[in-house]
Amino acid sequence: MKRRSHVMLCNGAPEKAVPAKFRRNTKKEALAYEALGPGHANLDVGLPRFVSNVYHLPDRVLDLLELAAYVFCTDRWIGRGAKDAVEYDAWGRKIHYVIKVRDHAFWQRSEVGKALTDALTWATGDESHSFTFVPGHSTPATGLFDREEIQIEARPNVKVALFSGGIDSLAGTVQHLRQEAGPLYLVSHRS
């Protein structure tokens, strides 16, 4: 049985932007979050609320956060086969993302696409992840202070650690606090 590839159309990317090699034998899904307007959303990223709390994020950072959210949602959305399967032949998926971005010149760079592809393929164990970036994405400012001129001053010597809430994360945090000086930010997520 030939495994079907998946094409994810993100941020309102048009179907005509799908490369020819991904047009046949693929299942296409459109993903959009609340910033694209009511009635179009099929997931809630929470990005506008996050941006309003930090005042302003550069376009490239916003693109990266959206991309990460779409990859996470896609991973949860597309199954890996039946739970009672004797062999896991459906484990490694082929996923191609067509995503509208703000900083198109950056995302079009071959080394950026390769780094994303390599990292996601390694982290997920999938057969492949690939990207087509489309220019023209924008979102309105989230508030009065969502402007490039307004910056939050960076704090020196800040460390960031992933924190799942499990005992291993707690042990790592305690060890870090005993051995290191300076602020430590714990980062987690809720799906």
N, C-alpha and C. Protein backbone atom coordinates (compact mmCIF):
# COMPACT_ATOMS: atom_id res chain seq x y z
N MET A 1 0.84 -1.19 0.00
CA MET A 1 0.00 0.00 0.00
C MET A 1 0.88 1.25 0.00
N LYS A 2 0.65 2.12 -0.96
CA LYS A 2 1.43 3.35 -1.04
C LYS A 2 0.90 4.35 -0.01
N ARG A 3 1.81 4.87 0.78
CA ARG A 3 1.43 5.82 1.81
C ARG A 3 1.16 7.19 1.19
N ARG A 4 0.13 7.82 1.67
CA ARG A 4 -0.25 9.14 1.17
C ARG A 4 0.57 10.21 1.85
N SER A 5 0.99 11.20 1.07
CA SER A 5 1.67 12.36 1.63
C SER A 5 0.62 13.38 2.05
N HIS A 6 1.03 14.30 2.90
CA HIS A 6 0.12 15.34 3.39
C HIS A 6 0.67 16.70 3.03
N VAL A 7 -0.22 17.57 2.60
CA VAL A 7 0.13 18.97 2.32
C VAL A 7 -0.71 19.83 3.25
N MET A 8 -0.03 20.67 4.02
CA MET A 8 -0.70 21.56 4.95
C MET A 8 -0.61 22.99 4.41
N LEU A 9 -1.75 23.59 4.13
CA LEU A 9 -1.83 24.97 3.65
C LEU A 9 -2.05 25.86 4.87
N CYS A 10 -1.07 26.69 5.19
CA CYS A 10 -1.09 27.46 6.43
C CYS A 10 -1.12 28.96 6.18
N ASN A 11 -1.78 29.69 7.07
CA ASN A 11 -1.88 31.15 7.01
C ASN A 11 -2.53 31.65 5.73
N GLY A 12 -3.46 30.90 5.20
CA GLY A 12 -4.14 31.33 3.99
C GLY A 12 -3.33 31.13 2.72
N ALA A 13 -2.32 30.26 2.74
CA ALA A 13 -1.53 29.98 1.55
C ALA A 13 -2.42 29.35 0.49
N PRO A 14 -2.31 29.80 -0.76
CA PRO A 14 -3.19 29.28 -1.81
C PRO A 14 -2.75 27.89 -2.29
N GLU A 15 -3.71 27.10 -2.71
CA GLU A 15 -3.42 25.75 -3.20
C GLU A 15 -2.54 25.80 -4.45
N LYS A 16 -2.62 26.87 -5.23
CA LYS A 16 -1.79 26.96 -6.44
C LYS A 16 -0.30 27.08 -6.12
N ALA A 17 0.05 27.36 -4.86
CA ALA A 17 1.46 27.45 -4.46
C ALA A 17 2.07 26.09 -4.15
N VAL A 18 1.25 25.04 -4.13
CA VAL A 18 1.76 23.69 -3.87
C VAL A 18 2.63 23.26 -5.05
N PRO A 19 3.88 22.86 -4.81
CA PRO A 19 4.74 22.40 -5.90
C PRO A 19 4.13 21.19 -6.61
N ALA A 20 4.42 21.04 -7.89
CA ALA A 20 3.83 19.98 -8.71
C ALA A 20 4.04 18.59 -8.12
N LYS A 21 5.21 18.33 -7.55
CA LYS A 21 5.49 16.99 -7.04
C LYS A 21 4.63 16.63 -5.82
N PHE A 22 3.96 17.62 -5.22
CA PHE A 22 3.10 17.35 -4.07
C PHE A 22 1.62 17.43 -4.41
N ARG A 23 1.28 17.55 -5.69
CA ARG A 23 -0.12 17.71 -6.06
C ARG A 23 -0.86 16.39 -6.23
N ARG A 24 -0.14 15.30 -6.50
CA ARG A 24 -0.78 14.00 -6.72
C ARG A 24 -0.59 13.12 -5.50
N ASN A 25 -1.59 12.32 -5.23
CA ASN A 25 -1.57 11.36 -4.12
C ASN A 25 -1.26 12.02 -2.78
N THR A 26 -1.81 13.20 -2.56
CA THR A 26 -1.63 13.89 -1.29
C THR A 26 -2.98 14.26 -0.71
N LYS A 27 -3.02 14.33 0.57
CA LYS A 27 -4.21 14.81 1.26
C LYS A 27 -3.90 16.25 1.68
N LYS A 28 -4.72 17.18 1.25
CA LYS A 28 -4.50 18.59 1.56
C LYS A 28 -5.42 19.04 2.69
N GLU A 29 -4.84 19.78 3.62
CA GLU A 29 -5.59 20.35 4.74
C GLU A 29 -5.21 21.82 4.86
N ALA A 30 -6.17 22.67 5.15
CA ALA A 30 -5.89 24.08 5.40
C ALA A 30 -5.94 24.32 6.90
N LEU A 31 -4.91 24.97 7.43
CA LEU A 31 -4.87 25.33 8.84
C LEU A 31 -4.83 26.84 8.97
N ALA A 32 -5.66 27.37 9.83
CA ALA A 32 -5.68 28.82 10.06
C ALA A 32 -6.03 29.06 11.51
N TYR A 33 -5.42 30.06 12.09
CA TYR A 33 -5.72 30.40 13.48
C TYR A 33 -6.52 31.69 13.54
N GLU A 34 -6.92 32.05 14.75
CA GLU A 34 -7.88 33.14 14.94
C GLU A 34 -7.49 34.48 14.34
N ALA A 35 -6.20 34.77 14.16
CA ALA A 35 -5.78 36.07 13.64
C ALA A 35 -6.21 36.27 12.20
N LEU A 36 -6.54 35.20 11.49
CA LEU A 36 -6.95 35.32 10.10
C LEU A 36 -8.40 35.73 9.95
N GLY A 37 -9.10 35.82 11.04
CA GLY A 37 -10.47 36.31 10.98
C GLY A 37 -11.47 35.27 11.42
N PRO A 38 -12.56 35.71 11.99
CA PRO A 38 -13.58 34.78 12.46
C PRO A 38 -14.16 33.99 11.28
N GLY A 39 -14.48 32.75 11.55
CA GLY A 39 -15.05 31.91 10.52
C GLY A 39 -14.02 31.16 9.70
N HIS A 40 -12.77 31.60 9.72
CA HIS A 40 -11.72 30.94 8.96
C HIS A 40 -10.85 30.05 9.84
N ALA A 41 -10.91 30.24 11.14
CA ALA A 41 -10.01 29.54 12.05
C ALA A 41 -10.47 28.11 12.30
N ASN A 42 -9.49 27.20 12.32
CA ASN A 42 -9.78 25.83 12.74
C ASN A 42 -8.81 25.38 13.83
N LEU A 43 -8.05 26.35 14.36
CA LEU A 43 -7.21 26.11 15.53
C LEU A 43 -6.96 27.44 16.24
N ASP A 44 -6.60 27.34 17.50
CA ASP A 44 -6.35 28.55 18.29
C ASP A 44 -4.89 28.51 18.75
N VAL A 45 -4.10 29.40 18.19
CA VAL A 45 -2.68 29.46 18.52
C VAL A 45 -2.44 30.34 19.75
N GLY A 46 -3.26 31.34 19.94
CA GLY A 46 -3.08 32.23 21.08
C GLY A 46 -1.97 33.25 20.86
N LEU A 47 -1.47 33.35 19.65
CA LEU A 47 -0.36 34.26 19.37
C LEU A 47 -0.72 35.73 19.60
N PRO A 48 -1.87 36.21 19.17
CA PRO A 48 -2.19 37.62 19.43
C PRO A 48 -2.17 37.97 20.92
N ARG A 49 -2.68 37.08 21.76
CA ARG A 49 -2.65 37.33 23.21
C ARG A 49 -1.20 37.36 23.71
N PHE A 50 -0.38 36.45 23.21
CA PHE A 50 1.03 36.40 23.63
C PHE A 50 1.76 37.68 23.22
N VAL A 51 1.57 38.13 21.98
CA VAL A 51 2.24 39.34 21.50
C VAL A 51 1.82 40.55 22.31
N SER A 52 0.55 40.65 22.65
CA SER A 52 0.11 41.81 23.41
C SER A 52 0.75 41.85 24.80
N ASN A 53 1.16 40.70 25.32
CA ASN A 53 1.84 40.66 26.62
C ASN A 53 3.31 41.05 26.53
N VAL A 54 3.94 40.86 25.37
CA VAL A 54 5.36 41.22 25.24
C VAL A 54 5.55 42.49 24.42
N TYR A 55 4.50 43.16 24.07
CA TYR A 55 4.47 44.40 23.30
C TYR A 55 4.69 44.17 21.81
N HIS A 56 5.91 43.80 21.38
CA HIS A 56 6.17 43.69 19.95
C HIS A 56 7.16 42.56 19.67
N LEU A 57 6.89 41.80 18.63
CA LEU A 57 7.82 40.78 18.17
C LEU A 57 8.13 41.04 16.70
N PRO A 58 9.40 40.90 16.30
CA PRO A 58 9.76 41.10 14.89
C PRO A 58 9.06 40.08 13.99
N ASP A 59 8.89 40.43 12.72
CA ASP A 59 8.19 39.58 11.77
C ASP A 59 8.76 38.16 11.71
N ARG A 60 10.08 38.03 11.71
CA ARG A 60 10.70 36.71 11.61
C ARG A 60 10.35 35.85 12.83
N VAL A 61 10.29 36.45 13.99
CA VAL A 61 9.94 35.72 15.21
C VAL A 61 8.47 35.30 15.16
N LEU A 62 7.60 36.18 14.69
CA LEU A 62 6.19 35.84 14.54
C LEU A 62 6.02 34.68 13.55
N ASP A 63 6.75 34.74 12.44
CA ASP A 63 6.70 33.64 11.47
C ASP A 63 7.12 32.33 12.12
N LEU A 64 8.21 32.36 12.88
CA LEU A 64 8.71 31.15 13.52
C LEU A 64 7.71 30.59 14.52
N LEU A 65 7.09 31.45 15.31
CA LEU A 65 6.09 30.99 16.28
C LEU A 65 4.88 30.36 15.57
N GLU A 66 4.44 30.99 14.49
CA GLU A 66 3.33 30.42 13.73
C GLU A 66 3.73 29.08 13.12
N LEU A 67 4.92 29.03 12.54
CA LEU A 67 5.40 27.79 11.94
C LEU A 67 5.45 26.67 12.97
N ALA A 68 5.98 26.97 14.15
CA ALA A 68 6.05 25.96 15.22
C ALA A 68 4.65 25.50 15.62
N ALA A 69 3.71 26.42 15.70
CA ALA A 69 2.34 26.06 16.06
C ALA A 69 1.71 25.16 14.99
N TYR A 70 1.93 25.49 13.72
CA TYR A 70 1.37 24.67 12.64
C TYR A 70 2.00 23.28 12.61
N VAL A 71 3.29 23.19 12.85
CA VAL A 71 3.95 21.89 12.88
C VAL A 71 3.41 21.06 14.05
N PHE A 72 3.27 21.67 15.21
CA PHE A 72 2.73 20.97 16.38
C PHE A 72 1.32 20.47 16.11
N CYS A 73 0.47 21.35 15.58
CA CYS A 73 -0.92 20.96 15.30
C CYS A 73 -0.98 19.87 14.24
N THR A 74 -0.13 19.96 13.22
CA THR A 74 -0.09 18.94 12.18
C THR A 74 0.31 17.59 12.77
N ASP A 75 1.31 17.61 13.65
CA ASP A 75 1.77 16.38 14.29
C ASP A 75 0.63 15.72 15.06
N ARG A 76 -0.19 16.54 15.72
CA ARG A 76 -1.32 16.00 16.49
C ARG A 76 -2.47 15.58 15.57
N TRP A 77 -2.60 16.24 14.43
CA TRP A 77 -3.73 16.04 13.53
C TRP A 77 -3.58 14.76 12.70
N ILE A 78 -2.38 14.51 12.19
CA ILE A 78 -2.16 13.40 11.27
C ILE A 78 -1.71 12.17 12.06
N GLY A 79 -2.50 11.13 11.99
CA GLY A 79 -2.21 9.91 12.73
C GLY A 79 -1.00 9.16 12.19
N ARG A 80 -0.55 8.19 12.97
CA ARG A 80 0.59 7.36 12.59
C ARG A 80 0.19 5.90 12.41
N GLY A 81 -1.07 5.66 12.20
CA GLY A 81 -1.54 4.29 12.01
C GLY A 81 -2.31 3.80 13.22
N ALA A 82 -2.84 2.59 13.09
CA ALA A 82 -3.64 2.00 14.16
C ALA A 82 -2.78 1.66 15.37
N LYS A 83 -3.33 1.83 16.55
CA LYS A 83 -2.59 1.56 17.78
C LYS A 83 -2.29 0.08 17.95
N ASP A 84 -3.12 -0.78 17.38
CA ASP A 84 -2.91 -2.21 17.53
C ASP A 84 -2.19 -2.83 16.33
N ALA A 85 -1.58 -2.02 15.48
CA ALA A 85 -0.87 -2.53 14.31
C ALA A 85 0.35 -3.33 14.74
N VAL A 86 0.57 -4.45 14.07
CA VAL A 86 1.72 -5.30 14.38
C VAL A 86 3.01 -4.62 13.92
N GLU A 87 2.96 -3.97 12.76
CA GLU A 87 4.11 -3.23 12.24
C GLU A 87 3.72 -1.76 12.15
N TYR A 88 4.69 -0.91 12.37
CA TYR A 88 4.42 0.53 12.34
C TYR A 88 4.80 1.11 10.99
N ASP A 89 4.23 0.57 9.91
CA ASP A 89 4.57 1.04 8.57
C ASP A 89 4.01 2.43 8.28
N ALA A 90 3.08 2.91 9.08
CA ALA A 90 2.52 4.25 8.88
C ALA A 90 3.17 5.27 9.80
N TRP A 91 4.18 4.85 10.57
CA TRP A 91 4.80 5.75 11.54
C TRP A 91 5.42 6.97 10.87
N GLY A 92 6.29 6.77 9.90
CA GLY A 92 6.99 7.88 9.24
C GLY A 92 6.14 8.53 8.17
N ARG A 93 5.70 9.72 8.44
CA ARG A 93 4.82 10.43 7.52
C ARG A 93 5.64 11.34 6.60
N LYS A 94 5.04 11.71 5.47
CA LYS A 94 5.61 12.72 4.56
C LYS A 94 4.70 13.93 4.63
N ILE A 95 5.26 15.05 5.10
CA ILE A 95 4.43 16.24 5.27
C ILE A 95 5.11 17.43 4.58
N HIS A 96 4.35 18.12 3.75
CA HIS A 96 4.84 19.33 3.09
C HIS A 96 3.97 20.49 3.55
N TYR A 97 4.59 21.56 4.00
CA TYR A 97 3.89 22.74 4.47
C TYR A 97 4.00 23.84 3.42
N VAL A 98 2.89 24.45 3.08
CA VAL A 98 2.88 25.66 2.27
C VAL A 98 2.37 26.74 3.21
N ILE A 99 3.26 27.68 3.53
CA ILE A 99 2.91 28.64 4.58
C ILE A 99 3.21 30.06 4.13
N LYS A 100 2.24 30.90 4.31
CA LYS A 100 2.39 32.34 4.01
C LYS A 100 3.15 32.98 5.16
N VAL A 101 4.21 33.73 4.84
CA VAL A 101 5.07 34.33 5.87
C VAL A 101 5.25 35.82 5.62
N ARG A 102 5.76 36.50 6.64
CA ARG A 102 6.03 37.94 6.56
C ARG A 102 7.43 38.20 5.99
N ASP A 103 8.44 37.47 6.50
CA ASP A 103 9.84 37.67 6.13
C ASP A 103 10.24 36.63 5.08
N HIS A 104 9.65 36.74 3.91
CA HIS A 104 9.81 35.75 2.86
C HIS A 104 11.27 35.57 2.45
N ALA A 105 12.04 36.64 2.32
CA ALA A 105 13.44 36.54 1.89
C ALA A 105 14.24 35.63 2.84
N PHE A 106 14.01 35.74 4.13
CA PHE A 106 14.73 34.90 5.09
C PHE A 106 14.33 33.43 4.95
N TRP A 107 13.04 33.15 4.91
CA TRP A 107 12.58 31.77 4.88
C TRP A 107 12.89 31.08 3.57
N GLN A 108 13.08 31.83 2.49
CA GLN A 108 13.42 31.25 1.19
C GLN A 108 14.87 30.77 1.11
N ARG A 109 15.71 31.20 2.02
CA ARG A 109 17.12 30.79 1.98
C ARG A 109 17.23 29.28 2.13
N SER A 110 18.03 28.66 1.27
CA SER A 110 18.12 27.20 1.25
C SER A 110 18.62 26.63 2.57
N GLU A 111 19.57 27.32 3.24
CA GLU A 111 20.10 26.80 4.50
C GLU A 111 19.04 26.85 5.61
N VAL A 112 18.12 27.78 5.54
CA VAL A 112 17.04 27.87 6.53
C VAL A 112 16.08 26.70 6.34
N GLY A 113 15.67 26.47 5.09
CA GLY A 113 14.78 25.36 4.80
C GLY A 113 15.40 24.02 5.15
N LYS A 114 16.68 23.86 4.86
CA LYS A 114 17.36 22.60 5.18
C LYS A 114 17.44 22.40 6.69
N ALA A 115 17.76 23.44 7.43
CA ALA A 115 17.83 23.33 8.89
C ALA A 115 16.47 22.93 9.47
N LEU A 116 15.39 23.55 8.99
CA LEU A 116 14.04 23.21 9.45
C LEU A 116 13.70 21.75 9.11
N THR A 117 13.95 21.39 7.87
CA THR A 117 13.65 20.03 7.42
C THR A 117 14.42 19.00 8.23
N ASP A 118 15.72 19.21 8.39
CA ASP A 118 16.56 18.27 9.15
C ASP A 118 16.11 18.16 10.60
N ALA A 119 15.85 19.30 11.23
CA ALA A 119 15.47 19.29 12.65
C ALA A 119 14.13 18.57 12.86
N LEU A 120 13.15 18.87 12.02
CA LEU A 120 11.83 18.26 12.19
C LEU A 120 11.83 16.77 11.86
N THR A 121 12.55 16.39 10.82
CA THR A 121 12.63 14.98 10.47
C THR A 121 13.30 14.19 11.59
N TRP A 122 14.35 14.74 12.15
CA TRP A 122 15.05 14.08 13.25
C TRP A 122 14.16 14.01 14.50
N ALA A 123 13.53 15.11 14.86
CA ALA A 123 12.75 15.18 16.10
C ALA A 123 11.50 14.30 16.05
N THR A 124 10.87 14.19 14.89
CA THR A 124 9.61 13.47 14.79
C THR A 124 9.75 12.01 14.37
N GLY A 125 10.87 11.68 13.73
CA GLY A 125 11.02 10.33 13.20
C GLY A 125 10.23 10.13 11.92
N ASP A 126 9.70 11.19 11.36
CA ASP A 126 8.94 11.10 10.12
C ASP A 126 9.87 10.88 8.93
N GLU A 127 9.26 10.46 7.82
CA GLU A 127 10.05 10.26 6.61
C GLU A 127 10.56 11.59 6.06
N SER A 128 9.70 12.60 6.06
CA SER A 128 10.16 13.92 5.60
C SER A 128 9.20 15.02 6.02
N HIS A 129 9.79 16.19 6.20
CA HIS A 129 9.06 17.45 6.36
C HIS A 129 9.71 18.40 5.36
N SER A 130 8.91 19.11 4.60
CA SER A 130 9.45 20.08 3.65
C SER A 130 8.54 21.30 3.61
N PHE A 131 9.06 22.38 3.02
CA PHE A 131 8.37 23.66 3.09
C PHE A 131 8.38 24.40 1.77
N THR A 132 7.28 25.09 1.50
CA THR A 132 7.21 26.12 0.47
C THR A 132 6.71 27.36 1.19
N PHE A 133 7.47 28.44 1.08
CA PHE A 133 7.10 29.69 1.74
C PHE A 133 6.56 30.66 0.70
N VAL A 134 5.43 31.27 1.04
CA VAL A 134 4.72 32.19 0.16
C VAL A 134 4.73 33.57 0.82
N PRO A 135 5.07 34.62 0.07
CA PRO A 135 5.07 35.96 0.67
C PRO A 135 3.66 36.50 0.86
N GLY A 136 3.56 37.54 1.69
CA GLY A 136 2.31 38.28 1.79
C GLY A 136 1.52 38.13 3.06
N HIS A 137 2.06 37.43 4.07
CA HIS A 137 1.29 37.31 5.31
C HIS A 137 1.50 38.54 6.18
N SER A 138 0.46 38.98 6.81
CA SER A 138 0.56 40.08 7.77
C SER A 138 -0.60 39.92 8.76
N THR A 139 -0.39 40.48 9.92
CA THR A 139 -1.45 40.49 10.92
C THR A 139 -1.49 41.89 11.52
N PRO A 140 -2.65 42.32 11.95
CA PRO A 140 -2.72 43.66 12.54
C PRO A 140 -2.00 43.71 13.88
N ALA A 141 -1.62 44.90 14.28
CA ALA A 141 -1.00 45.09 15.59
C ALA A 141 -1.97 44.60 16.67
N THR A 142 -1.41 44.03 17.72
CA THR A 142 -2.26 43.49 18.78
C THR A 142 -2.66 44.54 19.81
N GLY A 143 -2.03 45.70 19.73
CA GLY A 143 -2.35 46.75 20.68
C GLY A 143 -1.53 48.00 20.41
N LEU A 144 -1.70 48.98 21.22
CA LEU A 144 -1.02 50.26 21.07
C LEU A 144 0.49 50.13 21.09
N PHE A 145 1.02 49.18 21.87
CA PHE A 145 2.46 49.06 22.03
C PHE A 145 3.09 48.03 21.09
N ASP A 146 2.33 47.46 20.19
CA ASP A 146 2.86 46.50 19.23
C ASP A 146 3.45 47.26 18.04
N ARG A 147 4.59 47.90 18.30
CA ARG A 147 5.31 48.67 17.28
C ARG A 147 6.79 48.43 17.45
N GLU A 148 7.52 48.50 16.37
CA GLU A 148 8.96 48.23 16.38
C GLU A 148 9.72 49.19 17.30
N GLU A 149 9.24 50.41 17.43
CA GLU A 149 9.94 51.41 18.25
C GLU A 149 9.91 51.07 19.74
N ILE A 150 8.95 50.27 20.15
CA ILE A 150 8.81 49.95 21.57
C ILE A 150 9.47 48.60 21.82
N GLN A 151 10.56 48.62 22.55
CA GLN A 151 11.33 47.42 22.83
C GLN A 151 11.41 47.19 24.33
N ILE A 152 11.38 45.94 24.72
CA ILE A 152 11.62 45.59 26.11
C ILE A 152 13.12 45.38 26.27
N GLU A 153 13.68 46.02 27.25
CA GLU A 153 15.12 45.92 27.44
C GLU A 153 15.49 44.49 27.83
N ALA A 154 16.50 43.95 27.13
CA ALA A 154 16.96 42.59 27.41
C ALA A 154 17.71 42.55 28.73
N ARG A 155 17.51 41.47 29.46
CA ARG A 155 18.21 41.28 30.73
C ARG A 155 19.44 40.41 30.48
N PRO A 156 20.59 40.78 30.99
CA PRO A 156 21.79 39.97 30.77
C PRO A 156 21.78 38.69 31.61
N ASN A 157 22.50 37.68 31.10
CA ASN A 157 22.69 36.41 31.81
C ASN A 157 21.41 35.66 32.12
N VAL A 158 20.43 35.77 31.26
CA VAL A 158 19.18 35.04 31.45
C VAL A 158 19.32 33.66 30.82
N LYS A 159 18.85 32.65 31.52
CA LYS A 159 18.84 31.28 31.01
C LYS A 159 17.39 30.88 30.81
N VAL A 160 17.15 30.05 29.79
CA VAL A 160 15.81 29.54 29.50
C VAL A 160 15.89 28.02 29.52
N ALA A 161 14.93 27.38 30.18
CA ALA A 161 14.89 25.92 30.25
C ALA A 161 13.49 25.42 29.93
N LEU A 162 13.42 24.29 29.24
CA LEU A 162 12.13 23.66 28.99
C LEU A 162 11.66 23.01 30.29
N PHE A 163 10.39 23.15 30.57
CA PHE A 163 9.85 22.63 31.82
C PHE A 163 8.53 21.93 31.54
N SER A 164 8.52 20.61 31.69
CA SER A 164 7.31 19.84 31.40
C SER A 164 6.40 19.74 32.61
N GLY A 165 6.95 19.96 33.80
CA GLY A 165 6.19 19.79 35.03
C GLY A 165 6.45 18.43 35.66
N GLY A 166 7.24 17.60 34.97
CA GLY A 166 7.57 16.29 35.51
C GLY A 166 8.75 16.36 36.47
N ILE A 167 9.04 15.24 37.11
CA ILE A 167 10.10 15.19 38.10
C ILE A 167 11.48 15.45 37.48
N ASP A 168 11.69 15.02 36.23
CA ASP A 168 12.98 15.25 35.58
C ASP A 168 13.21 16.74 35.32
N SER A 169 12.17 17.45 34.91
CA SER A 169 12.29 18.90 34.72
C SER A 169 12.54 19.61 36.04
N LEU A 170 11.83 19.18 37.07
CA LEU A 170 12.00 19.79 38.38
C LEU A 170 13.41 19.55 38.91
N ALA A 171 13.92 18.33 38.74
CA ALA A 171 15.28 18.02 39.20
C ALA A 171 16.31 18.86 38.45
N GLY A 172 16.13 19.00 37.15
CA GLY A 172 17.04 19.82 36.35
C GLY A 172 17.00 21.28 36.77
N THR A 173 15.82 21.78 37.07
CA THR A 173 15.66 23.16 37.52
C THR A 173 16.34 23.38 38.86
N VAL A 174 16.14 22.48 39.80
CA VAL A 174 16.76 22.59 41.12
C VAL A 174 18.28 22.54 40.98
N GLN A 175 18.78 21.62 40.17
CA GLN A 175 20.23 21.52 39.96
C GLN A 175 20.78 22.81 39.37
N HIS A 176 20.09 23.36 38.38
CA HIS A 176 20.54 24.61 37.77
C HIS A 176 20.57 25.75 38.79
N LEU A 177 19.52 25.87 39.57
CA LEU A 177 19.44 26.96 40.55
C LEU A 177 20.52 26.84 41.63
N ARG A 178 20.92 25.62 41.95
CA ARG A 178 21.98 25.43 42.95
C ARG A 178 23.36 25.74 42.39
N GLN A 179 23.54 25.58 41.06
CA GLN A 179 24.87 25.72 40.47
C GLN A 179 25.09 27.03 39.72
N GLU A 180 24.03 27.69 39.31
CA GLU A 180 24.15 28.88 38.46
C GLU A 180 23.53 30.10 39.14
N ALA A 181 24.05 31.26 38.77
CA ALA A 181 23.47 32.52 39.26
C ALA A 181 22.68 33.16 38.12
N GLY A 182 21.81 34.05 38.45
CA GLY A 182 21.05 34.78 37.45
C GLY A 182 19.66 34.19 37.25
N PRO A 183 18.82 34.93 36.54
CA PRO A 183 17.44 34.50 36.36
C PRO A 183 17.32 33.27 35.45
N LEU A 184 16.35 32.44 35.75
CA LEU A 184 16.03 31.27 34.95
C LEU A 184 14.56 31.33 34.59
N TYR A 185 14.27 31.28 33.28
CA TYR A 185 12.88 31.26 32.82
C TYR A 185 12.53 29.84 32.44
N LEU A 186 11.43 29.34 32.98
CA LEU A 186 10.94 28.02 32.66
C LEU A 186 9.86 28.15 31.59
N VAL A 187 10.00 27.39 30.52
CA VAL A 187 9.09 27.48 29.39
C VAL A 187 8.38 26.14 29.23
N SER A 188 7.07 26.21 29.08
CA SER A 188 6.26 25.00 28.91
C SER A 188 5.23 25.27 27.84
N HIS A 189 4.34 24.35 27.62
CA HIS A 189 3.24 24.56 26.67
C HIS A 189 2.02 23.77 27.14
N ARG A 190 0.91 24.14 26.58
CA ARG A 190 -0.34 23.44 26.82
C ARG A 190 -0.98 23.19 25.47
N SER A 191 -1.26 21.95 25.14
CA SER A 191 -1.82 21.67 23.81
C SER A 191 -3.32 21.84 23.82
